[in-house]
Amino acid sequence: MPIFLKKLLIILSVGFLIYFMAFRPQGAADLFKAIGVALLAIAAGLGDFLTSLFS
């Protein structure tokens, strides 16, 4: 991917996040909460897998 396109996508993504947090703060909070719950579920599943693998 060309560097210009990569920088443009990063700038647009950051701009969208700022817009989303400014005009839909509850929606942004719910989104980040859902991402956090999903990451914790993945970590718990990985921990369970490793525990059962080594016991």
N, C-alpha and C. Protein backbone atom coordinates (compact mmCIF):
# COMPACT_ATOMS: atom_id res chain seq x y z
N MET A 1 0.86 -1.18 0.00
CA MET A 1 0.00 0.00 0.00
C MET A 1 0.90 1.23 0.00
N PRO A 2 0.63 2.16 -0.88
CA PRO A 2 1.45 3.38 -0.93
C PRO A 2 1.37 4.15 0.40
N ILE A 3 2.43 4.83 0.72
CA ILE A 3 2.52 5.56 1.99
C ILE A 3 1.45 6.65 2.07
N PHE A 4 1.21 7.33 0.95
CA PHE A 4 0.20 8.39 0.94
C PHE A 4 -1.17 7.84 1.30
N LEU A 5 -1.53 6.70 0.74
CA LEU A 5 -2.83 6.10 1.00
C LEU A 5 -2.94 5.65 2.46
N LYS A 6 -1.86 5.11 2.99
CA LYS A 6 -1.85 4.68 4.39
C LYS A 6 -2.03 5.88 5.32
N LYS A 7 -1.33 6.97 5.06
CA LYS A 7 -1.47 8.18 5.88
C LYS A 7 -2.87 8.75 5.77
N LEU A 8 -3.43 8.73 4.58
CA LEU A 8 -4.78 9.25 4.37
C LEU A 8 -5.80 8.42 5.15
N LEU A 9 -5.67 7.11 5.12
CA LEU A 9 -6.59 6.26 5.86
C LEU A 9 -6.47 6.46 7.36
N ILE A 10 -5.26 6.66 7.85
CA ILE A 10 -5.06 6.91 9.28
C ILE A 10 -5.70 8.24 9.68
N ILE A 11 -5.48 9.28 8.88
CA ILE A 11 -6.05 10.60 9.18
C ILE A 11 -7.57 10.54 9.15
N LEU A 12 -8.14 9.86 8.17
CA LEU A 12 -9.59 9.74 8.09
C LEU A 12 -10.15 8.93 9.26
N SER A 13 -9.45 7.88 9.65
CA SER A 13 -9.90 7.06 10.78
C SER A 13 -9.89 7.86 12.08
N VAL A 14 -8.83 8.60 12.32
CA VAL A 14 -8.74 9.42 13.53
C VAL A 14 -9.81 10.51 13.50
N GLY A 15 -10.01 11.11 12.36
CA GLY A 15 -11.05 12.13 12.23
C GLY A 15 -12.44 11.57 12.51
N PHE A 16 -12.70 10.37 12.00
CA PHE A 16 -13.99 9.74 12.26
C PHE A 16 -14.17 9.43 13.74
N LEU A 17 -13.12 8.94 14.40
CA LEU A 17 -13.20 8.66 15.83
C LEU A 17 -13.48 9.92 16.64
N ILE A 18 -12.81 11.01 16.30
CA ILE A 18 -13.04 12.27 17.00
C ILE A 18 -14.48 12.75 16.77
N TYR A 19 -14.94 12.67 15.54
CA TYR A 19 -16.32 13.07 15.22
C TYR A 19 -17.32 12.20 15.98
N PHE A 20 -17.08 10.89 15.99
CA PHE A 20 -17.98 9.95 16.66
C PHE A 20 -18.04 10.22 18.15
N MET A 21 -16.88 10.48 18.77
CA MET A 21 -16.86 10.76 20.21
C MET A 21 -17.47 12.12 20.53
N ALA A 22 -17.35 13.08 19.64
CA ALA A 22 -17.88 14.42 19.91
C ALA A 22 -19.40 14.46 19.77
N PHE A 23 -19.93 13.78 18.77
CA PHE A 23 -21.36 13.91 18.50
C PHE A 23 -22.19 12.71 18.97
N ARG A 24 -21.54 11.60 19.29
CA ARG A 24 -22.26 10.43 19.81
C ARG A 24 -21.46 9.83 20.97
N PRO A 25 -21.29 10.58 22.07
CA PRO A 25 -20.44 10.08 23.16
C PRO A 25 -20.97 8.79 23.80
N GLN A 26 -22.29 8.66 23.91
CA GLN A 26 -22.83 7.42 24.50
C GLN A 26 -22.58 6.23 23.58
N GLY A 27 -22.74 6.44 22.29
CA GLY A 27 -22.47 5.38 21.32
C GLY A 27 -21.00 4.98 21.32
N ALA A 28 -20.11 5.98 21.44
CA ALA A 28 -18.68 5.69 21.47
C ALA A 28 -18.33 4.93 22.75
N ALA A 29 -18.92 5.32 23.87
CA ALA A 29 -18.66 4.61 25.13
C ALA A 29 -19.15 3.17 25.05
N ASP A 30 -20.32 2.97 24.47
CA ASP A 30 -20.84 1.61 24.32
C ASP A 30 -19.95 0.77 23.41
N LEU A 31 -19.45 1.38 22.35
CA LEU A 31 -18.57 0.66 21.43
C LEU A 31 -17.28 0.23 22.13
N PHE A 32 -16.64 1.15 22.86
CA PHE A 32 -15.40 0.81 23.54
C PHE A 32 -15.64 -0.20 24.67
N LYS A 33 -16.80 -0.11 25.31
CA LYS A 33 -17.14 -1.09 26.34
C LYS A 33 -17.29 -2.47 25.72
N ALA A 34 -17.94 -2.55 24.58
CA ALA A 34 -18.13 -3.83 23.89
C ALA A 34 -16.79 -4.41 23.44
N ILE A 35 -15.90 -3.55 22.97
CA ILE A 35 -14.57 -4.02 22.56
C ILE A 35 -13.82 -4.56 23.77
N GLY A 36 -13.92 -3.87 24.91
CA GLY A 36 -13.26 -4.34 26.12
C GLY A 36 -13.80 -5.68 26.60
N VAL A 37 -15.12 -5.84 26.56
CA VAL A 37 -15.73 -7.12 26.96
C VAL A 37 -15.26 -8.24 26.04
N ALA A 38 -15.20 -7.97 24.74
CA ALA A 38 -14.76 -8.98 23.79
C ALA A 38 -13.29 -9.37 24.04
N LEU A 39 -12.43 -8.39 24.31
CA LEU A 39 -11.03 -8.69 24.59
C LEU A 39 -10.87 -9.49 25.87
N LEU A 40 -11.68 -9.18 26.89
CA LEU A 40 -11.62 -9.95 28.13
C LEU A 40 -12.10 -11.38 27.92
N ALA A 41 -13.11 -11.57 27.10
CA ALA A 41 -13.60 -12.91 26.80
C ALA A 41 -12.55 -13.72 26.05
N ILE A 42 -11.85 -13.08 25.13
CA ILE A 42 -10.78 -13.76 24.40
C ILE A 42 -9.66 -14.15 25.35
N ALA A 43 -9.28 -13.24 26.24
CA ALA A 43 -8.21 -13.53 27.20
C ALA A 43 -8.62 -14.66 28.14
N ALA A 44 -9.87 -14.65 28.60
CA ALA A 44 -10.34 -15.72 29.48
C ALA A 44 -10.34 -17.07 28.76
N GLY A 45 -10.78 -17.08 27.52
CA GLY A 45 -10.77 -18.31 26.73
C GLY A 45 -9.36 -18.83 26.51
N LEU A 46 -8.44 -17.93 26.23
CA LEU A 46 -7.05 -18.33 26.05
C LEU A 46 -6.47 -18.88 27.35
N GLY A 47 -6.80 -18.23 28.46
CA GLY A 47 -6.34 -18.72 29.76
C GLY A 47 -6.89 -20.10 30.08
N ASP A 48 -8.17 -20.32 29.81
CA ASP A 48 -8.77 -21.64 30.02
C ASP A 48 -8.11 -22.70 29.14
N PHE A 49 -7.84 -22.34 27.90
CA PHE A 49 -7.18 -23.27 26.98
C PHE A 49 -5.80 -23.65 27.49
N LEU A 50 -5.01 -22.66 27.88
CA LEU A 50 -3.66 -22.95 28.35
C LEU A 50 -3.68 -23.74 29.66
N THR A 51 -4.64 -23.45 30.53
CA THR A 51 -4.75 -24.18 31.79
C THR A 51 -5.07 -25.65 31.51
N SER A 52 -6.01 -25.90 30.62
CA SER A 52 -6.37 -27.29 30.33
C SER A 52 -5.27 -27.99 29.53
N LEU A 53 -4.49 -27.24 28.79
CA LEU A 53 -3.42 -27.83 28.00
C LEU A 53 -2.28 -28.32 28.88
N PHE A 54 -1.95 -27.56 29.93
CA PHE A 54 -0.82 -27.89 30.78
C PHE A 54 -1.20 -28.63 32.06
N SER A 55 -2.45 -29.02 32.22
CA SER A 55 -2.80 -29.76 33.43
C SER A 55 -3.18 -31.19 33.13
